[in-house]
Structure formats: structure tokens, C-alpha cells
Protein backbone atom coordinates (compact mmCIF):
# COMPACT_ATOMS: atom_id res chain seq x y z
CA MET A 1 -5.62 -37.32 72.72
CA ARG A 2 -8.45 -39.45 71.78
CA LEU A 3 -10.96 -37.05 73.12
CA ILE A 4 -9.40 -34.05 71.12
CA ALA A 5 -9.33 -36.09 68.12
CA LYS A 6 -12.88 -36.86 68.40
CA ILE A 7 -13.78 -33.23 69.01
CA GLY A 8 -11.73 -32.27 66.11
CA SER A 9 -13.50 -34.72 63.91
CA TRP A 10 -17.03 -33.57 65.03
CA PHE A 11 -16.20 -29.97 64.18
CA ASP A 12 -14.45 -31.02 60.92
CA ARG A 13 -17.66 -32.99 59.77
CA ARG A 14 -19.61 -29.49 60.07
CA LEU A 15 -17.03 -26.96 59.10
CA GLN A 16 -15.26 -29.06 56.30
CA LEU A 17 -12.10 -26.96 57.25
CA ALA A 18 -9.29 -29.88 57.42
CA ALA A 19 -9.15 -30.26 53.76
CA PRO A 20 -8.75 -26.62 52.66
CA ILE A 21 -6.22 -26.15 55.51
CA ARG A 22 -4.18 -29.15 54.36
CA GLU A 23 -4.36 -28.00 50.84
CA VAL A 24 -2.84 -24.66 51.78
CA ALA A 25 -0.04 -26.28 53.92
CA ASP A 26 0.83 -28.63 51.09
CA HIS A 27 0.76 -26.06 48.65
CA GLN A 28 3.76 -26.47 46.35
CA VAL A 29 6.20 -23.57 46.03
CA PRO A 30 9.44 -23.34 44.29
CA ARG A 31 12.41 -24.21 46.62
CA SER A 32 14.07 -21.05 45.68
CA THR A 33 11.27 -18.96 47.37
CA ALA A 34 12.36 -20.18 50.73
CA SER A 35 14.36 -17.11 51.19
CA TRP A 36 14.68 -14.34 53.64
CA TRP A 37 13.56 -11.98 50.81
CA TYR A 38 10.09 -13.50 50.87
CA VAL A 39 9.17 -13.02 54.50
CA PHE A 40 7.71 -9.44 54.35
CA GLY A 41 4.12 -10.37 53.14
CA SER A 42 3.67 -12.78 56.19
CA ALA A 43 5.25 -10.34 58.52
CA ALA A 44 2.83 -7.67 57.41
CA LEU A 45 -0.14 -10.15 58.00
CA THR A 46 1.06 -10.85 61.42
CA VAL A 47 1.52 -7.20 62.42
CA PHE A 48 -2.02 -6.54 61.00
CA LEU A 49 -3.38 -9.29 63.21
CA LEU A 50 -1.49 -7.66 66.21
CA GLN A 51 -3.25 -4.36 65.38
CA ILE A 52 -6.63 -5.89 65.37
CA VAL A 53 -5.89 -7.59 68.74
CA THR A 54 -4.54 -4.41 70.35
CA GLY A 55 -7.15 -2.24 68.69
CA ILE A 56 -10.10 -4.27 70.25
CA LEU A 57 -8.46 -3.87 73.66
CA LEU A 58 -7.99 -0.20 73.35
CA ALA A 59 -11.66 0.19 71.94
CA LEU A 60 -12.81 -1.36 75.37
CA PHE A 61 -11.60 2.02 77.11
CA TYR A 62 -11.51 4.61 74.31
CA VAL A 63 -14.30 7.22 74.38
CA PRO A 64 -14.85 8.51 70.60
CA SER A 65 -16.02 11.90 72.00
CA GLY A 66 -14.53 15.29 71.61
CA SER A 67 -14.76 15.85 75.35
CA GLU A 68 -13.58 12.49 76.45
CA ALA A 69 -11.20 11.17 74.04
CA TRP A 70 -8.04 12.89 75.26
CA SER A 71 -9.16 11.94 78.87
CA SER A 72 -9.67 8.33 78.05
CA LEU A 73 -6.20 8.10 76.65
CA GLN A 74 -4.71 9.60 79.63
CA ALA A 75 -6.49 7.07 81.79
CA LEU A 76 -5.06 4.51 79.41
CA ASN A 77 -1.64 5.62 80.07
CA HIS A 78 -1.80 6.09 83.89
CA ASP A 79 -4.75 4.41 85.37
CA VAL A 80 -5.39 1.04 83.33
CA THR A 81 -3.00 -1.78 84.04
CA LEU A 82 -0.74 -2.01 81.14
CA GLY A 83 -3.00 0.31 79.05
CA TRP A 84 0.22 2.32 78.19
CA PHE A 85 1.86 -0.82 76.93
CA ILE A 86 -1.17 -1.81 74.78
CA ARG A 87 -1.22 1.74 73.36
CA ALA A 88 2.44 1.67 72.54
CA MET A 89 2.29 -1.70 70.96
CA HIS A 90 -0.63 -0.43 68.95
CA GLY A 91 1.18 2.76 67.97
CA TRP A 92 4.55 1.10 66.97
CA GLY A 93 2.63 -1.61 65.44
CA SER A 94 1.35 0.89 62.99
CA ASN A 95 4.77 2.23 62.28
CA PHE A 96 6.17 -1.19 61.58
CA MET A 97 3.37 -2.26 59.40
CA VAL A 98 3.63 0.80 57.09
CA ALA A 99 7.57 0.22 56.84
CA ILE A 100 6.99 -3.41 56.16
CA VAL A 101 4.36 -2.96 53.60
CA LEU A 102 6.55 -0.25 51.91
CA ILE A 103 9.61 -2.83 51.91
CA HIS A 104 7.31 -5.53 50.59
CA MET A 105 6.10 -3.51 47.63
CA ALA A 106 9.73 -2.40 46.73
CA GLN A 107 10.86 -6.22 46.96
CA VAL A 108 7.89 -7.40 44.76
CA PHE A 109 8.82 -4.67 42.07
CA LEU A 110 12.56 -5.43 42.17
CA PHE A 111 11.69 -9.14 41.79
CA GLY A 112 9.37 -8.69 39.00
CA ALA A 113 6.39 -10.35 40.81
CA HIS A 114 4.10 -7.57 39.32
CA LYS A 115 4.40 -9.11 35.85
CA PHE A 116 2.05 -11.72 34.16
CA PRO A 117 -0.10 -13.37 35.55
CA ARG A 118 0.21 -11.38 38.86
CA GLU A 119 -1.07 -8.04 37.77
CA LEU A 120 -4.29 -8.11 39.97
CA THR A 121 -2.18 -9.30 42.85
CA TRP A 122 -0.16 -6.13 42.47
CA ILE A 123 -2.98 -3.80 42.19
CA VAL A 124 -4.55 -5.28 45.25
CA GLY A 125 -1.22 -4.73 46.89
CA VAL A 126 -1.42 -1.05 46.07
CA PHE A 127 -4.81 -0.53 47.63
CA LEU A 128 -3.60 -2.49 50.52
CA LEU A 129 -0.81 0.10 51.03
CA LEU A 130 -3.18 2.99 50.57
CA MET A 131 -5.52 1.51 53.22
CA THR A 132 -2.60 0.99 55.48
CA LEU A 133 -1.63 4.74 55.36
CA GLY A 134 -5.40 5.55 55.80
CA MET A 135 -5.22 3.53 59.03
CA ALA A 136 -2.00 5.18 60.08
CA PHE A 137 -3.48 8.83 59.52
CA SER A 138 -7.05 7.90 61.22
CA GLY A 139 -5.25 6.42 64.06
CA GLN A 140 -3.15 9.59 64.54
CA VAL A 141 -6.47 11.72 64.52
CA LEU A 142 -7.95 9.63 67.20
CA ARG A 143 -5.50 10.68 69.64
CA PHE A 144 -7.18 14.18 69.44
CA ASP A 145 -4.41 16.01 70.91
CA GLN A 146 -3.00 19.29 69.76
CA ASP A 147 -0.99 17.78 66.97
CA ALA A 148 -4.03 15.72 65.92
CA TYR A 149 -6.30 18.80 65.82
CA TRP A 150 -3.96 20.98 63.77
CA GLY A 151 -2.71 17.97 61.50
CA LEU A 152 -6.39 17.23 60.87
CA GLY A 153 -6.97 20.91 60.01
CA ILE A 154 -3.95 20.57 57.38
CA GLY A 155 -5.69 17.36 56.01
CA ALA A 156 -8.95 19.27 55.62
CA SER A 157 -7.40 22.18 53.99
CA ILE A 158 -5.59 19.79 51.42
CA VAL A 159 -9.02 18.13 50.72
CA SER A 160 -10.73 21.45 50.31
CA ARG A 161 -8.55 22.29 47.30
CA VAL A 162 -10.15 19.62 45.02
CA PRO A 163 -12.21 21.55 42.45
CA VAL A 164 -15.90 21.37 42.56
CA ILE A 165 -16.23 18.92 45.27
CA GLY A 166 -13.68 20.12 47.81
CA ALA A 167 -16.30 21.71 50.22
CA SER A 168 -18.40 18.39 50.03
CA LEU A 169 -15.52 16.21 50.72
CA VAL A 170 -14.36 18.29 53.74
CA LYS A 171 -17.97 17.98 55.04
CA LEU A 172 -18.03 14.13 54.38
CA MET A 173 -14.58 14.00 56.14
CA LEU A 174 -15.30 16.23 59.21
CA GLY A 175 -18.92 15.17 59.69
CA GLY A 176 -19.91 18.94 59.42
CA PRO A 177 -18.23 22.37 58.44
CA ILE A 178 -16.09 22.40 61.42
CA ILE A 179 -13.65 19.93 63.56
CA ALA A 180 -16.07 18.77 66.30
CA GLY A 181 -17.29 15.83 68.01
CA ALA A 182 -18.88 14.35 64.87
CA THR A 183 -15.36 14.47 63.31
CA LEU A 184 -13.93 12.04 65.94
CA SER A 185 -16.91 9.87 65.80
CA ARG A 186 -16.51 9.60 62.05
CA PHE A 187 -12.76 8.95 62.18
CA PHE A 188 -13.57 6.27 64.98
CA ALA A 189 -15.81 4.49 62.49
CA MET A 190 -13.46 4.82 59.68
CA HIS A 191 -10.39 3.61 61.79
CA VAL A 192 -12.26 0.64 63.61
CA PHE A 193 -14.83 -0.63 61.26
CA VAL A 194 -14.67 0.58 57.55
CA ILE A 195 -10.78 0.60 56.82
CA PRO A 196 -10.13 -2.77 58.98
CA GLY A 197 -13.11 -4.28 56.98
CA LEU A 198 -11.67 -3.43 53.71
CA LEU A 199 -8.34 -4.60 54.70
CA ILE A 200 -9.51 -7.91 55.70
CA ALA A 201 -11.38 -8.26 52.40
CA PHE A 202 -8.38 -7.11 50.33
CA VAL A 203 -5.99 -9.43 52.45
CA SER A 204 -8.17 -12.32 51.88
CA LEU A 205 -8.37 -11.64 48.16
CA HIS A 206 -4.55 -11.15 47.99
CA LEU A 207 -3.87 -14.34 49.84
CA LEU A 208 -6.30 -16.27 47.52
CA MET A 209 -4.43 -14.95 44.41
CA VAL A 210 -1.12 -15.82 45.94
CA LEU A 211 -2.44 -19.44 46.51
CA LYS A 212 -4.01 -19.75 43.11
CA LEU A 213 -1.18 -18.28 40.99
CA GLY A 214 1.61 -19.28 43.19
CA ILE A 215 4.46 -17.59 44.90
CA ASN A 216 6.80 -15.81 42.43
CA GLU A 217 9.88 -17.84 41.86
CA TRP A 218 13.39 -16.53 42.38
CA PRO A 219 13.94 -13.97 39.57
CA MET A 220 16.87 -15.91 37.61
CA PRO A 221 18.80 -13.64 34.92
CA GLY A 222 17.59 -14.71 31.54
CA ARG A 223 14.33 -16.14 32.55
CA ILE A 224 12.06 -14.27 30.52
CA VAL A 225 8.32 -13.83 31.16
CA LYS A 226 6.07 -14.52 28.37
CA ARG A 227 2.16 -14.60 28.38
CA ALA A 228 2.22 -17.77 26.22
CA THR A 229 4.63 -19.86 28.07
CA TYR A 230 4.96 -18.70 31.52
CA GLU A 231 2.29 -20.63 33.22
CA SER A 232 3.30 -23.90 32.06
CA GLN A 233 6.78 -23.21 32.99
CA TYR A 234 5.93 -22.32 36.35
CA HIS A 235 4.02 -25.48 36.74
CA ALA A 236 6.91 -27.59 35.40
CA LEU A 237 9.17 -25.70 37.98
CA THR A 238 6.82 -26.41 41.02
CA LYS A 239 6.47 -29.98 39.87
CA ASN A 240 10.36 -30.70 39.39
CA GLU A 241 11.83 -28.33 42.16
CA GLY A 242 8.71 -27.53 44.32
CA ALA A 243 8.21 -28.26 47.93
CA PRO A 244 5.27 -28.06 50.29
CA PHE A 245 4.88 -24.56 51.98
CA VAL A 246 4.79 -26.44 55.34
CA PRO A 247 7.20 -27.00 56.81
CA TYR A 248 9.84 -26.25 54.01
CA ALA A 249 9.17 -22.51 53.61
CA ILE A 250 6.99 -21.30 56.69
CA TRP A 251 9.67 -21.49 59.36
CA LYS A 252 11.61 -18.56 57.92
CA ASP A 253 8.08 -16.76 57.84
CA MET A 254 7.35 -17.56 61.37
CA PHE A 255 10.95 -16.73 62.60
CA PHE A 256 10.87 -13.19 60.95
CA ALA A 257 7.28 -12.52 62.00
CA GLY A 258 8.19 -13.57 65.53
CA PHE A 259 11.29 -11.13 65.53
CA VAL A 260 9.08 -8.23 64.37
CA VAL A 261 6.66 -8.68 66.97
CA LEU A 262 9.47 -8.82 69.63
CA ALA A 263 11.02 -5.54 68.00
CA ILE A 264 7.57 -3.84 68.35
CA ALA A 265 7.26 -4.94 71.94
CA ALA A 266 10.93 -3.70 72.80
CA CYS A 267 10.02 -0.30 71.22
CA ALA A 268 6.64 -0.06 73.06
CA PHE A 269 8.45 -0.99 76.31
CA TYR A 270 11.46 1.39 75.90
CA PHE A 271 9.87 4.39 74.11
CA GLY A 272 6.19 4.05 75.19
CA PRO A 273 3.05 5.09 73.50
CA PHE A 274 2.74 8.21 71.11
CA GLY A 275 0.90 11.00 72.83
CA PRO A 276 -1.27 12.42 73.67
CA SER A 277 0.37 15.88 73.86
CA GLY A 278 -1.67 18.95 74.87
CA GLN A 279 -5.45 18.99 74.63
CA PRO A 280 -6.82 20.19 71.17
CA ASP A 281 -7.23 23.94 71.47
CA PRO A 282 -7.65 26.07 68.08
CA THR A 283 -6.73 29.33 70.02
CA ILE A 284 -3.09 27.98 70.81
CA ILE A 285 -1.45 28.47 67.40
CA GLN A 286 2.18 28.64 68.53
CA THR A 287 2.44 25.04 67.56
CA ALA A 288 3.98 23.13 64.76
CA PRO A 289 1.92 19.92 64.39
CA ARG A 290 4.03 16.78 63.26
CA PRO A 291 2.57 13.90 61.68
CA ASP A 292 3.93 10.30 62.45
CA TYR A 293 7.09 9.35 60.70
CA PHE A 294 5.39 7.92 57.52
CA PHE A 295 3.99 11.32 56.47
CA LEU A 296 7.05 13.42 57.65
CA TRP A 297 8.33 13.61 53.99
CA LEU A 298 5.13 15.23 52.75
CA TYR A 299 5.26 17.50 55.85
CA ALA A 300 8.67 18.93 54.70
CA LEU A 301 7.83 19.02 50.97
CA LEU A 302 4.79 21.17 51.79
CA SER A 303 6.95 23.39 53.88
CA LEU A 304 9.68 23.92 51.27
CA LEU A 305 7.36 24.29 48.13
CA PRO A 306 6.56 27.87 47.19
CA PRO A 307 2.90 28.45 48.04
CA PRO A 308 1.77 28.87 44.33
CA LEU A 309 2.93 25.09 43.75
CA GLU A 310 1.15 23.51 46.64
CA THR A 311 -2.11 23.05 45.11
CA PRO A 312 -1.08 21.76 41.71
CA PHE A 313 1.48 19.25 43.57
CA LEU A 314 -1.37 18.02 45.98
CA LEU A 315 -3.97 17.59 43.31
CA ILE A 316 -1.82 16.18 40.61
CA GLY A 317 1.10 14.37 42.32
CA PRO A 318 -0.82 11.75 44.15
CA PRO A 319 -3.28 10.74 41.60
CA LEU A 320 -0.54 10.36 38.99
CA VAL A 321 1.64 8.24 41.35
CA ILE A 322 -1.44 5.78 42.18
CA LEU A 323 -2.31 5.65 38.58
CA GLY A 324 1.38 4.84 37.57
CA LEU A 325 1.37 2.19 40.29
CA ILE A 326 -2.07 0.53 38.90
CA LEU A 327 -0.71 0.62 35.24
CA LEU A 328 2.79 -0.53 36.13
CA PRO A 329 2.04 -4.47 35.43
CA PHE A 330 0.12 -3.74 32.21
CA LEU A 331 3.05 -1.42 30.97
CA SER A 332 5.62 -3.84 32.13
CA GLY A 333 3.99 -7.31 32.26
CA GLU A 334 6.52 -9.17 30.31
CA GLY A 335 10.29 -9.54 30.04
CA GLU A 336 13.18 -9.85 32.35
CA LYS A 337 12.52 -10.24 36.11
CA SER A 338 15.85 -10.26 37.66
CA TRP A 339 16.95 -6.98 39.38
CA LYS A 340 20.39 -7.48 37.99
CA ARG A 341 19.10 -6.98 34.34
CA ARG A 342 16.58 -4.21 35.27
CA PRO A 343 18.91 -1.11 36.16
CA ILE A 344 15.88 1.27 35.61
CA ALA A 345 13.93 -0.47 38.18
CA VAL A 346 16.84 -0.47 40.64
CA LEU A 347 17.60 3.23 40.25
CA THR A 348 13.93 4.04 40.62
CA VAL A 349 13.61 2.33 43.92
CA LEU A 350 17.00 3.79 45.08
CA LEU A 351 15.77 7.44 43.97
CA ILE A 352 12.39 7.07 45.85
CA ALA A 353 14.16 5.78 48.93
CA ILE A 354 16.80 8.51 48.81
CA THR A 355 14.07 11.26 48.16
CA LEU A 356 11.87 10.00 51.14
CA GLY A 357 14.62 9.66 53.33
CA THR A 358 16.05 13.11 52.52
CA PHE A 359 12.73 14.88 53.11
CA THR A 360 11.96 12.95 56.19
CA HIS A 361 15.40 14.31 57.47
CA LEU A 362 14.47 17.61 56.33
CA SER A 363 11.15 17.52 58.23
CA GLU A 364 13.40 17.97 61.46
CA PHE A 365 14.38 21.58 60.32
CA THR A 366 11.44 22.68 58.30
CA PRO A 367 8.57 24.52 60.03
CA TRP A 368 4.93 24.25 59.25
CA SER A 369 5.00 27.94 58.77
CA PRO A 370 7.83 30.17 57.47
CA HIS A 371 7.55 32.49 60.44
CA MET A 372 5.89 31.69 63.78
CA ASN A 373 7.72 34.35 66.04
CA ALA A 374 5.05 36.99 65.78
CA TRP A 375 3.65 38.57 69.13
CA SER A 376 0.07 39.56 69.20
CA GLY A 377 0.74 41.78 72.20
CA ASP A 378 1.88 44.83 69.97
CA ALA A 379 -1.06 47.34 69.99
CA ILE A 380 -3.16 47.62 66.89
CA PRO A 381 -2.00 50.84 65.23
CA ASP A 382 -4.31 53.80 65.87
CA ARG A 383 -5.11 54.26 62.11
CA TYR A 384 -7.06 51.02 62.02
CA ILE A 385 -9.27 52.15 64.99
CA HIS A 386 -9.39 55.86 64.37
CA GLY A 387 -12.95 57.06 63.63
CA THR A 388 -14.38 53.70 64.02
CA THR A 389 -17.59 52.69 65.88
CA ALA A 390 -17.80 51.01 69.25
CA LEU A 391 -18.67 47.70 67.74
CA ASP A 392 -15.66 48.04 65.56
CA ARG A 393 -13.33 48.90 68.35
CA GLN A 394 -14.95 45.84 70.20
CA GLY A 395 -13.92 43.70 67.35
CA ALA A 396 -10.29 44.98 67.35
CA LEU A 397 -10.29 43.97 71.02
CA VAL A 398 -11.51 40.52 70.26
CA PHE A 399 -8.91 40.49 67.35
CA GLN A 400 -6.10 41.33 69.90
CA VAL A 401 -7.29 38.96 72.60
CA LYS A 402 -7.81 35.92 70.38
CA GLN A 403 -4.09 36.42 68.99
CA CYS A 404 -5.21 36.64 65.34
CA ARG A 405 -1.91 38.54 64.47
CA ASN A 406 0.07 35.45 65.38
CA CYS A 407 -0.90 34.16 62.07
CA HIS A 408 -2.11 37.22 60.17
CA SER A 409 -0.08 40.43 59.71
CA LEU A 410 -1.59 43.91 60.01
CA GLY A 411 0.27 47.02 59.06
CA GLY A 412 3.23 45.05 58.22
CA SER A 413 3.40 43.45 61.71
CA GLY A 414 2.35 39.97 62.55
CA GLY A 415 2.76 36.28 61.38
CA GLN A 416 2.90 34.96 57.98
CA ARG A 417 0.90 31.63 58.29
CA GLY A 418 -2.16 33.12 56.98
CA PRO A 419 -2.70 36.03 54.59
CA SER A 420 -2.30 39.70 55.36
CA LEU A 421 -5.57 41.42 56.77
CA ASP A 422 -4.80 44.91 55.50
CA SER A 423 -7.31 44.81 52.70
CA VAL A 424 -9.20 41.50 53.70
CA ALA A 425 -12.61 43.35 53.38
CA THR A 426 -11.86 43.84 49.67
CA ARG A 427 -11.56 39.99 49.25
CA LEU A 428 -14.45 38.77 51.32
CA THR A 429 -17.96 39.75 51.89
CA HIS A 430 -19.82 40.02 55.10
CA ASP A 431 -21.14 36.79 54.85
CA GLN A 432 -17.80 35.13 53.59
CA LEU A 433 -16.00 36.75 56.59
CA ILE A 434 -18.45 35.15 59.00
CA ARG A 435 -18.23 31.71 57.42
CA GLN A 436 -14.40 31.80 57.51
CA VAL A 437 -14.31 32.93 61.23
CA ILE A 438 -16.83 30.26 62.18
CA GLN A 439 -16.00 27.34 59.80
CA GLY A 440 -12.36 28.04 58.98
CA GLY A 441 -10.67 27.12 55.60
CA GLY A 442 -7.33 26.63 54.18
CA ASN A 443 -4.73 26.30 57.06
CA MET A 444 -7.08 28.27 59.45
CA PRO A 445 -8.95 26.37 61.92
CA ALA A 446 -12.77 26.96 62.66
CA TYR A 447 -13.35 29.21 65.74
CA GLY A 448 -17.18 28.66 65.74
CA ASN A 449 -16.67 26.93 69.22
CA ASN A 450 -14.33 29.38 70.66
CA LEU A 451 -16.34 32.72 69.91
CA ARG A 452 -19.56 33.90 71.26
CA PRO A 453 -22.09 35.25 68.76
CA ALA A 454 -21.44 38.80 69.92
CA GLU A 455 -17.65 38.39 69.57
CA THR A 456 -17.99 37.01 66.16
CA THR A 457 -20.24 39.99 65.16
CA ALA A 458 -17.86 42.41 66.49
CA LEU A 459 -14.69 40.73 64.84
CA VAL A 460 -16.38 40.75 61.65
CA ALA A 461 -17.23 44.36 62.01
CA PHE A 462 -13.60 45.18 62.54
CA LEU A 463 -12.56 43.11 59.86
CA GLU A 464 -14.91 44.97 57.24
CA THR A 465 -13.16 48.27 58.06
CA LEU A 466 -9.71 46.71 56.77
CA HIS A 467 -9.70 48.08 53.27
CA PRO A 468 -7.96 51.01 51.47
CA ALA A 469 -9.32 54.32 51.71
CA THR A 470 -9.87 54.56 47.94
CA GLN A 471 -11.50 50.99 47.58
CA ARG A 472 -14.87 49.99 48.84
CA PRO A 473 -15.53 46.71 50.60
CA ALA A 474 -16.49 43.57 48.82
CA ARG A 475 -20.22 43.25 48.46
CA ASP A 476 -22.57 40.35 47.50
CA ALA A 477 -24.40 41.62 44.46
CA ALA A 478 -27.21 38.87 44.97
CA ARG A 479 -27.78 40.19 48.44
CA ASP A 480 -27.96 43.64 47.35
CA VAL A 481 -30.68 43.08 44.63
CA ALA A 482 -32.73 41.18 47.27
CA LEU A 483 -32.48 44.13 49.72
CA ASP A 484 -33.43 46.48 46.90
CA GLU A 485 -36.44 44.36 46.03
CA GLN A 486 -37.47 44.16 49.63
CA LYS A 487 -37.12 47.89 49.96
CA ASP A 488 -39.33 48.53 46.91
CA ARG A 489 -41.89 46.19 48.48
CA THR A 490 -42.09 48.05 51.64
CA GLN A 491 -42.37 51.48 50.20
CA PRO A 492 -45.85 52.94 49.69
């Protein structure tokens, strides 16, 4: 014991950590905060630390390469000792962390802890929630299975709808115009370095503000928050009815955090890891990519919304929600804290919970696309290939073999995931058709890595024949002018 004390004293003289740790442990908190309602913040921190540990272990084996990622996860599942369990702990830890952070945000809102002087604490919490969701999404992408590939395609299509900068954001997100190896490397960097680094910084700031401003007292009915008097009242409360955080309040935090870790381990052991499912293949379109549970409500909502409302909802809804959360403490910074005297706050939380729960349940029955039973084996009608060139007919064969009609209808027959192609040549120019096939766009994946140049040329040639007889194909006016000028220069 003397040796340990000497070693501890040697380190403390150089690091000077004993005094700050003692100050944190002796930090006075209102006795009323030693409640089971105040354990979610520390539980979220515990799960985050668990994610860091399991994430480091997984990073020792995971290969962030488009050709090796799926195989490395299979090796973790079947060849590495307890690799499947570490993967399951990491996956279920992500689910638990999202759920706990959401519950913590709801509890903070209902208990009025966003009010003066804790406005910035709430705003940091909002960003922590967004980064937690970002960690969850990027982690799903790293599985790089069939669901991850198509889910990333949907995510890219959502980002592409942002006016003006949509294309640049997609390129920044994917590391290029298509989903490829650079995409996985970019998401690996985001998931392992960027977002965790931001989370650590914001968590540290969040804890610092909790220590400096104090833990929110139990919201007693009739205890009104006023900027002029609250701080003096709070200091009087902690002086008269306060207790040190350690050991008075910490034991419930430790008990609940331990219970959460055991629950994660139990789910990991019983249910196992998430995926990976089939290898990512953009030519297999008979799939309904399903996100993890925290995004299922959005999956269902987008499936049920009429197509014209999708873009306005995606571009207007989320920014308004985030802005509302950030402005909340400034719009409601004073007044009653107790949820018993704030019926609108209670109804708001109930409405949000019921809405999210309902759409999550509906996700079990809502397909990603209205009709996915189209079969591309039906022959292309003769009228689409009659009188065409050999190159056009070769393109029709590519169109048939690559199962394009599983997503697109032609002559009234085919899928409805993508737009009808009967008059596609009137909507897209030659260059635009090539770009769409190679790079994808909307909900269409990129086929640049799955078609040879000759197949792309033939397919585009066939697509250029798909227009009404009375309407000319779309043309690039600038290109026509350039060709005319070149012709004039070459003429004698």
C-alpha cells in the first residue's frame, strides 16, 4: 500500500490530477437529483466509452476497402475468436446509445433543464444527438453489404436534392461521382476519426457545463425560473439541501450503467451481430434495403409520401426541426419547470413518441418502392427495335440482360421504382444519358463499374431511340453550336 501511495504521489506531483478529481467527486448536487430519472446521461457516456473500446478492437481487423470490407466482416464473424461477439456488442451498443440519448433529451425537456442558465448545455446536447445519429448511419455503411449499398444510394439521392450544392455534396459524401472504394474510405474516416473526435470534444464541453452550472434540480411545481434570481436560489438550494456527487448520487448512475452494459451483452449474445447480408451488387435490384431501427420511421415516411412531397419534406423538415431545437431554450428560457404544469410539453413528447413509433411499426409493411414484382424476362416489344441499327439492337440486349425493366417501365410493362423510359430521349441529351448510366442519380445506382464502355455506348444508343415519332430527341444546344463552328473551320 505504501508503494502504491508513493507511485500515486509521484504521478500527482507531475500531473496535478488529484485536486480536480476530488473537486468533481465532492461537487455538491441537490439531493432531489439522486433519482432514477437522472441516470440517462451517465448511461449514454458509458455506452459511448463501450463503443470506443469495441470500435478499436474491430478496427484491428476491418479492412476499409470496397473489395475486402465484406470479407473482413465475414472473417470477424466466423474466424476470429469472439469476433462475432465484439461486432454484436458494437452494433447493439449503437442501438442502445441512440435510444438512451433520445430518452435523455426527452427527460431534459420535460424537466425544464433546457431553461436558463443551461441553454448552451441543451444546444450541445442537440449536436450530440445529431452526431450520434451520424455515427449510427456511417457504421451501417461500413458493413458494405447489399442493404448498406442501396441505403447509401438513397442517402446520396437525398443529398443530391439540395439546391445549387447538391452535386458537390454528393461528391464530398461519396469521394467521387459513384459509390466505390473511395466512398468506404471516406465513411471509415468519418466513423472512426471525425465524428468520434467531435463527440469527445462535445461530451467534454457538455460535462464541463454540467459541473459549472450544476445538475438541474427536481422540477417542483410552482418553482419558477427567473433569470434575475435563479442562480442565487440554486446556490442556496445546494448549500442547504446539497450532497456530494460521490457517493451520494453516483451509485444509481453506476448501477443503471452496469445494467445497460449487461443488457447490451445479452442482446449481443442472443441476437448476434448485424449482417453483413449479401455482397453489394448494384445489378441486383430485387431488394428492399432496410436501415437500422432508428431510421425506420424515415424509411416508412418516404415510402408513404407522394413523390412530389418527398423533396420539400426532406429539404424543409429536418432543418426546421433542428432550428426549433436550438431556439427552444431562448423561446422558453424562463417559467415553470415541472412537467405537471406544462401540458403542452407533455403532449409534444407524447405526440413525437407516438408518431415515431407508428411509422417505425409501419416500416414493416411499407416497401421502398410501390411495385417490385416486375420481371425483365419479357421481350422488348418489336416496335422499339424495328428499323433500328445493329448498335441500337445491341443496346436493347444490354437493356434486357441488365434487368433495367425491373425498375423502369417500357411500353406500359415494367417496374415503377424509376421513371418510365418511353420518352427518355426527350428528357435527357446524349451526354446526360451517359452520365446517368455511369454515375447514377436519384434512387438509381451508378453502373459505371458494371458496364463495359462498349455496353454503355450501345445502351445509350438504344435509349436515344426512345421518343415519340412526332418529337425529336433532346439536344445540347451548346454542343451543336460548337460542332457547327468546327464544321465551318474545316470547310475550304
